[in-house]
Every structure is written in structure tokens, then in C-alpha cells.
Protein backbone atom coordinates (compact mmCIF):
# COMPACT_ATOMS: atom_id res chain seq x y z
CA MET A 1 -56.06 -5.38 -36.34
CA ARG A 2 -52.53 -3.47 -36.74
CA GLU A 3 -53.44 -1.10 -34.06
CA ARG A 4 -55.08 -3.86 -32.09
CA VAL A 5 -51.86 -5.58 -31.72
CA ALA A 6 -50.00 -2.50 -31.28
CA LYS A 7 -51.87 -1.80 -28.63
CA SER A 8 -51.81 -5.42 -27.08
CA GLN A 9 -47.67 -4.85 -27.33
CA PHE A 10 -47.87 -1.51 -25.64
CA ARG A 11 -49.63 -3.05 -22.47
CA SER A 12 -47.66 -5.89 -22.05
CA GLU A 13 -44.60 -3.60 -22.64
CA ASN A 14 -45.94 -1.18 -19.85
CA THR A 15 -46.64 -4.18 -17.69
CA ALA A 16 -43.16 -5.48 -17.76
CA VAL A 17 -41.92 -1.74 -16.99
CA ALA A 18 -44.66 -1.64 -14.12
CA ALA A 19 -42.91 -4.93 -12.93
CA PHE A 20 -39.61 -3.34 -13.01
CA SER A 21 -40.28 -0.45 -11.19
CA LEU A 22 -41.66 -2.73 -7.98
CA TYR A 23 -39.13 -4.77 -8.16
CA ARG A 24 -35.49 -4.23 -7.25
CA MET A 25 -32.46 -6.59 -6.74
CA ARG A 26 -31.20 -7.56 -2.88
CA ASP A 27 -28.54 -10.13 -2.06
CA VAL A 28 -30.41 -13.32 -0.88
CA PRO A 29 -28.76 -15.78 1.72
CA VAL A 30 -28.02 -18.96 -1.19
CA ALA A 31 -28.93 -21.32 1.72
CA LYS A 32 -32.53 -19.82 1.57
CA ILE A 33 -33.07 -20.47 -2.01
CA ARG A 34 -34.58 -24.19 -3.36
CA PRO A 35 -35.89 -24.91 -7.14
CA GLU A 36 -39.38 -24.70 -7.90
CA GLU A 37 -41.09 -28.15 -8.36
CA GLY A 38 -39.85 -29.69 -11.78
CA LEU A 39 -37.07 -27.03 -12.15
CA ASP A 40 -34.26 -29.06 -10.84
CA ARG A 41 -32.29 -30.54 -13.67
CA LYS A 42 -29.51 -31.99 -15.13
CA ARG A 43 -26.58 -29.83 -16.08
CA ASP A 44 -23.50 -29.93 -18.59
CA ARG A 45 -20.51 -30.52 -16.87
CA GLU A 46 -17.97 -28.48 -18.87
CA GLY A 47 -20.57 -25.45 -18.96
CA HIS A 48 -21.05 -25.36 -15.19
CA LYS A 49 -17.28 -25.25 -14.60
CA GLU A 50 -16.91 -22.50 -17.15
CA LEU A 51 -19.68 -20.98 -15.07
CA GLN A 52 -18.26 -21.20 -11.88
CA ARG A 53 -14.67 -20.15 -13.22
CA SER A 54 -17.18 -16.67 -14.42
CA ILE A 55 -18.90 -16.28 -11.14
CA GLN A 56 -15.12 -16.59 -9.21
CA GLN A 57 -13.89 -14.05 -11.17
CA PHE A 58 -16.26 -11.68 -11.72
CA GLY A 59 -19.37 -12.72 -9.45
CA VAL A 60 -22.80 -13.01 -10.90
CA LEU A 61 -23.53 -10.58 -13.17
CA THR A 62 -27.46 -11.29 -14.14
CA PRO A 63 -29.14 -11.62 -11.40
CA ILE A 64 -31.49 -15.00 -10.54
CA THR A 65 -35.65 -14.42 -10.16
CA VAL A 66 -37.14 -15.98 -6.91
CA ARG A 67 -40.26 -15.38 -5.11
CA PRO A 68 -41.20 -15.99 -1.52
CA ALA A 69 -41.99 -19.71 -0.23
CA PRO A 70 -45.71 -20.12 0.52
CA ASP A 71 -45.31 -22.02 3.46
CA ASP A 72 -43.58 -19.08 5.58
CA SER A 73 -40.08 -20.99 5.91
CA GLY A 74 -38.63 -17.42 4.84
CA GLU A 75 -37.44 -19.09 2.48
CA TYR A 76 -37.21 -18.23 -1.74
CA LEU A 77 -38.35 -20.64 -4.51
CA LEU A 78 -36.41 -20.25 -7.58
CA ILE A 79 -37.84 -19.26 -11.10
CA LYS A 80 -34.80 -18.41 -12.57
CA GLY A 81 -31.28 -18.99 -12.44
CA GLN A 82 -30.77 -22.62 -11.09
CA GLY A 83 -26.93 -22.93 -12.85
CA ARG A 84 -26.05 -19.27 -10.81
CA THR A 85 -27.30 -20.51 -7.51
CA LEU A 86 -25.56 -24.12 -7.85
CA ALA A 87 -22.53 -22.74 -8.71
CA CYS A 88 -22.37 -20.21 -5.67
CA SER A 89 -23.15 -23.03 -3.34
CA LEU A 90 -20.42 -24.83 -4.52
CA LEU A 91 -18.03 -22.12 -4.34
CA GLY A 92 -19.24 -21.23 -0.90
CA LEU A 93 -20.80 -17.98 -1.49
CA LYS A 94 -22.74 -16.80 1.12
CA THR A 95 -25.37 -14.65 -1.14
CA ILE A 96 -26.50 -14.04 -4.85
CA PRO A 97 -28.27 -11.03 -6.04
CA ALA A 98 -31.53 -11.65 -6.69
CA ILE A 99 -35.21 -10.05 -8.14
CA ILE A 100 -38.05 -11.08 -5.87
CA VAL A 101 -41.31 -11.54 -7.60
CA ASP A 102 -44.62 -12.25 -6.30
CA ASP A 103 -46.95 -14.86 -7.42
CA ALA A 104 -48.60 -12.80 -9.83
CA TYR A 105 -45.49 -11.84 -11.63
CA ALA A 106 -43.53 -15.19 -10.95
CA GLU A 107 -45.97 -16.66 -13.81
CA SER A 108 -45.40 -14.31 -16.39
CA GLU A 109 -42.47 -15.28 -18.59
CA LYS A 110 -42.71 -11.86 -20.40
CA VAL A 111 -41.96 -10.23 -17.47
CA GLN A 112 -39.50 -12.65 -15.89
CA GLN A 113 -37.36 -12.27 -19.46
CA PHE A 114 -37.52 -8.80 -18.90
CA LEU A 115 -36.32 -8.24 -15.13
CA VAL A 116 -33.53 -10.82 -16.03
CA GLU A 117 -32.29 -8.87 -19.13
CA ASN A 118 -32.92 -5.44 -17.94
CA VAL A 119 -32.57 -4.95 -14.37
CA ALA A 120 -28.92 -5.38 -14.12
CA ARG A 121 -28.36 -3.09 -17.28
CA LEU A 122 -30.23 -0.40 -16.49
CA LYS A 123 -29.50 0.29 -12.70
CA MET A 124 -25.70 -1.47 -12.47
CA ARG A 125 -23.23 0.43 -11.30
CA PRO A 126 -20.70 1.66 -14.19
CA ILE A 127 -18.20 -1.51 -13.00
CA ASP A 128 -21.00 -4.16 -12.96
CA ARG A 129 -22.11 -2.74 -16.39
CA ALA A 130 -18.26 -2.77 -17.41
CA LEU A 131 -18.08 -6.43 -15.94
CA LEU A 132 -21.80 -7.90 -18.28
CA ILE A 133 -20.23 -6.34 -21.37
CA THR A 134 -16.59 -8.08 -20.97
CA HIS A 135 -18.22 -11.04 -19.95
CA ALA A 136 -20.68 -11.07 -22.97
CA ARG A 137 -17.75 -10.71 -24.90
CA GLN A 138 -16.17 -13.66 -23.75
CA ARG A 139 -19.28 -15.80 -24.68
CA GLY A 140 -18.54 -14.55 -28.31
CA GLU A 141 -21.09 -12.57 -28.48
CA GLU A 142 -20.54 -9.87 -31.32
CA THR A 143 -19.14 -6.25 -30.85
CA SER A 144 -21.95 -4.91 -32.24
CA GLU A 145 -24.51 -6.66 -30.53
CA VAL A 146 -23.09 -6.19 -26.85
CA ALA A 147 -23.00 -2.33 -27.83
CA LYS A 148 -26.39 -2.17 -29.21
CA ARG A 149 -27.70 -4.05 -26.11
CA PHE A 150 -25.99 -1.98 -23.62
CA GLY A 151 -26.64 1.42 -25.50
CA VAL A 152 -22.31 2.07 -25.93
CA SER A 153 -20.35 2.72 -29.21
CA ALA A 154 -18.07 -0.38 -30.21
CA ALA A 155 -15.06 1.28 -29.43
CA THR A 156 -16.24 1.35 -25.58
CA VAL A 157 -16.93 -2.41 -25.75
CA ARG A 158 -13.40 -2.99 -26.79
CA ARG A 159 -11.72 -0.60 -24.83
CA LEU A 160 -13.70 -2.47 -21.91
CA GLN A 161 -12.56 -6.19 -23.00
CA ALA A 162 -8.97 -5.14 -23.56
CA GLN A 163 -9.17 -3.46 -19.90
CA LEU A 164 -10.76 -6.28 -18.02
CA ASP A 165 -10.22 -9.48 -20.24
CA GLY A 166 -8.11 -11.52 -17.69
CA ALA A 167 -8.77 -9.54 -14.78
CA SER A 168 -7.83 -11.34 -11.46
CA ALA A 169 -10.55 -11.73 -8.83
CA LYS A 170 -8.47 -9.34 -6.40
CA GLU A 171 -9.18 -6.78 -9.13
CA VAL A 172 -12.58 -7.38 -9.49
CA ALA A 173 -13.45 -7.08 -5.85
CA ALA A 174 -11.36 -3.64 -5.87
CA LEU A 175 -13.36 -2.12 -8.58
CA ARG A 176 -16.45 -3.38 -6.73
CA SER A 177 -15.50 -2.27 -3.41
CA GLY A 178 -14.83 1.33 -4.76
CA ASP A 179 -10.82 0.71 -3.96
CA VAL A 180 -10.39 1.85 -7.24
CA ASN A 181 -12.46 3.14 -10.32
CA LEU A 182 -12.48 2.19 -13.47
CA THR A 183 -10.88 4.81 -15.31
CA LYS A 184 -7.44 4.61 -12.71
CA HIS A 185 -7.52 0.78 -13.37
CA ALA A 186 -7.61 1.55 -17.08
CA VAL A 187 -4.39 3.59 -16.60
CA ILE A 188 -2.65 0.24 -14.26
CA ALA A 189 -3.88 -1.91 -16.64
CA ARG A 190 -2.27 -0.18 -19.37
CA TRP A 191 1.04 -0.04 -17.99
CA VAL A 192 1.46 -2.98 -15.15
CA THR A 193 1.49 -6.79 -16.11
CA SER A 194 -1.55 -8.43 -14.78
CA GLY A 195 0.36 -10.33 -12.49
CA GLU A 196 1.11 -7.02 -10.91
CA ARG A 197 -1.73 -5.30 -10.82
CA SER A 198 -3.27 -6.12 -7.57
CA GLU A 199 -0.45 -4.38 -5.59
CA ALA A 200 -0.38 -1.66 -7.73
CA ILE A 201 -3.90 -0.80 -6.92
CA ALA A 202 -3.43 -1.28 -3.33
CA LEU A 203 -0.14 0.96 -3.57
CA PHE A 204 -1.68 3.64 -5.64
CA THR A 205 -5.40 3.23 -2.76
CA GLU A 206 -3.31 3.62 0.14
CA HIS A 207 -1.35 6.66 -1.22
CA SER A 208 -4.12 8.36 -3.09
CA ILE A 209 -2.34 9.13 -6.15
CA LYS A 210 -4.84 11.22 -8.86
CA THR A 211 -5.10 9.67 -12.23
CA ASN A 212 -3.11 12.07 -14.14
CA ASP A 213 -0.39 12.18 -11.79
CA MET A 214 -0.51 7.99 -12.24
CA ILE A 215 0.02 8.48 -15.99
CA THR A 216 3.13 10.96 -15.55
CA LEU A 217 4.68 8.86 -13.09
CA PHE A 218 4.72 5.71 -15.76
CA GLU A 219 5.80 7.81 -18.07
CA ALA A 220 8.50 9.62 -16.09
CA LEU A 221 9.41 5.94 -14.86
CA GLY A 222 10.02 4.17 -17.97
CA TRP A 223 7.86 1.70 -16.98
CA ASP A 224 7.62 -0.31 -19.82
CA GLY A 225 11.19 -0.80 -20.08
CA LEU A 226 11.22 -1.73 -16.35
CA ASN A 227 8.55 -4.50 -17.53
CA ASN A 228 10.44 -5.97 -20.15
CA LEU A 229 13.22 -6.92 -17.17
CA GLY A 230 10.46 -9.78 -16.87
CA PRO A 231 8.65 -11.68 -14.22
CA GLN A 232 12.02 -12.24 -12.06
CA HIS A 233 12.00 -8.49 -11.23
CA LYS A 234 8.61 -7.99 -9.95
CA ALA A 235 9.45 -7.75 -6.47
CA ALA A 236 12.03 -4.91 -7.02
CA ARG A 237 9.68 -3.36 -9.84
CA LEU A 238 6.92 -2.93 -6.83
CA ARG A 239 9.44 -2.24 -4.42
CA PHE A 240 10.37 0.67 -6.25
CA LEU A 241 6.99 1.82 -7.10
CA ARG A 242 6.12 1.52 -3.58
CA TRP A 243 8.79 3.84 -2.36
CA VAL A 244 7.85 6.90 -5.30
CA CYS A 245 4.09 6.28 -4.35
CA ALA A 246 5.17 7.20 -0.81
CA GLU A 247 7.46 9.70 -1.93
CA LEU A 248 4.93 11.66 -4.13
CA SER A 249 2.30 11.53 -1.39
CA GLY A 250 4.42 13.17 1.27
CA PRO A 251 4.17 17.06 2.54
CA THR A 252 6.44 18.46 -0.34
CA ARG A 253 5.09 20.56 -2.59
CA GLY A 254 4.88 21.60 -6.63
CA THR A 255 3.82 19.60 -10.06
CA VAL A 256 4.16 16.11 -9.88
CA LYS A 257 6.82 16.49 -13.02
CA GLU A 258 8.54 19.07 -10.48
CA ARG A 259 8.61 16.58 -7.54
CA LEU A 260 9.39 13.49 -9.69
CA ASN A 261 12.36 15.43 -11.05
CA ALA A 262 13.54 16.09 -7.38
CA LEU A 263 13.48 12.27 -6.65
CA ALA A 264 15.41 11.79 -9.60
CA VAL A 265 18.58 12.71 -8.03
CA ASN A 266 17.56 10.74 -4.83
CA ILE A 267 16.63 7.70 -6.21
CA PRO A 268 18.27 4.84 -3.86
CA LEU A 269 20.66 2.24 -4.97
CA SER A 270 19.26 -0.25 -3.71
CA LEU A 271 15.28 -1.01 -2.56
CA GLU A 272 16.24 -4.43 -0.81
CA VAL A 273 14.79 -5.48 2.54
CA GLN A 274 17.30 -4.75 5.06
CA ARG A 275 17.79 -7.62 7.23
CA PRO A 276 18.62 -7.84 10.95
CA ALA A 277 22.43 -8.61 11.62
CA LYS A 278 22.97 -12.28 13.03
CA VAL A 279 23.87 -12.17 16.81
CA ALA A 280 27.19 -13.17 17.20
CA ARG A 281 27.25 -16.39 19.75
């Protein structure tokens, strides 16, 4: 009896794995998705607002499941993910990541669950996995459970949560577009306050500063002390950082430490934007 159960479970898991190998995520137009008959249901208003806020910040982390509409309209019938689809529509997002299945698999709840829970976890990019880990912790899932589900250490879960919790939509967009990777973002998140990170990311991206050089730069400038001056000096901090990045990315040779030492004697007393003089009338 136990052997028959084991074989049945093995066949079921193989079916799910086979489904996973057949279907991949695709971005589907939100306007072309309509709910299956009987799926349209009332939603908790506060819960849905929270979902919208999450999608606005992180994007859709878990793909929805759809199947092609049988009327050859080019539309899709929604199997799983009504809340995510509605949130995207309300936010004005044009597409949503979806797993497209055929009629045979659409009726299999076990396969649906496997696809929804595993396709993103197994095939997503490191940044998307990191965002999903952070999102799971924000929802209250225990660190140990998140670590087990994603196959990472508890320390990694805590590190990613500290790095990405509170990240702005611009930061997430920069990470997803590849303008900055997780390693560089971790350095920026360590040194730069949340309200200034997007600008800092843009500066380091524009001037192609290496990760180790970023660390050296922040340490040499005593950036923690500059942060302590408060938000009223944000503009001055960013002008200073822009000047340093521009100087370091120039043709001068030598290590970053050597070049920073050279810059130290040439730091301008003021980086205020020069305004044109008024013309006398």
C-alpha cells in the first residue's frame, strides 16, 4: 500500500515537473485577461490596497495563471491571480507576468499550485528572487521558513530584508533594468539614506564606478558624518558626490585611494550652482 502511494505521489510530482518544463512565464496584456466564469469575487478593500502598494513598489512577484480563451478572441481566461490582475489594471500597468496553460492542465489544482509557487522561485533572476524573499518577510513569514523555501541561509534572508525593505519604486526599477546590481545596491543602501539612493544609483551608473571603489569612496569621504548633517543638506551632499564621481571617472591614472588623496587638496569650497548675473537695465 505504501509503495502504491509513493508511486502515485511520484507520478503526480512528475506531472507537475513536466508542466513546469512545458510552460514559461510571459508578459500578457492586462486588457486581454478576463476572469473564468464564477471567479469574479468580492475582495477585502484594505487587503487589496496593500496588494496595490506592494505591486507599485516591487512589481508582480508571483505570476498569475491563465489559459487561452476558446473563442479565438486572442484573450486569456484567468485561472489564478484575480487580485494581482485587478491591482495592475487599477495601477495602469499594461502587462502582467503570467503562466499560460492549456485546458488539460488548467483543471489540475496540484499543477496550478506547483506552477504558481515554483516557476518564479526556480527560474527568476536574482533581483526578482530577492524581492520575493523581502516581500515574504514583510507579510510576516518567518525567516527560517523563507530561507527553507528559497534554499538560502537565514543570514541571506535578513541581509536582503535590511537592504530592500523600504526600497523606492525607482530603486527597484533600477535593479530590474540592470542599471545597478544587488551587490552595488547593497553598498549604496549601507551608506546612503533612503531618500537619496535613487540619485546616488544614477550617479554611480553614469560614471561606472566599481563596487570596491564605491566602498573606498564612501569611507574616504566620511559619508556617515555627511549623513548626520541632516536632510536639509541633501542637495549639497549629492552635488559633492557628483563632483567626486566625475573626477574619479576621468583619465587620471592610479588607484582610487591615490586619486582620492589627490582630490583632497582640490576640493572646491563651494559646489553651488552658478547662476547667470542679472543684466543691468
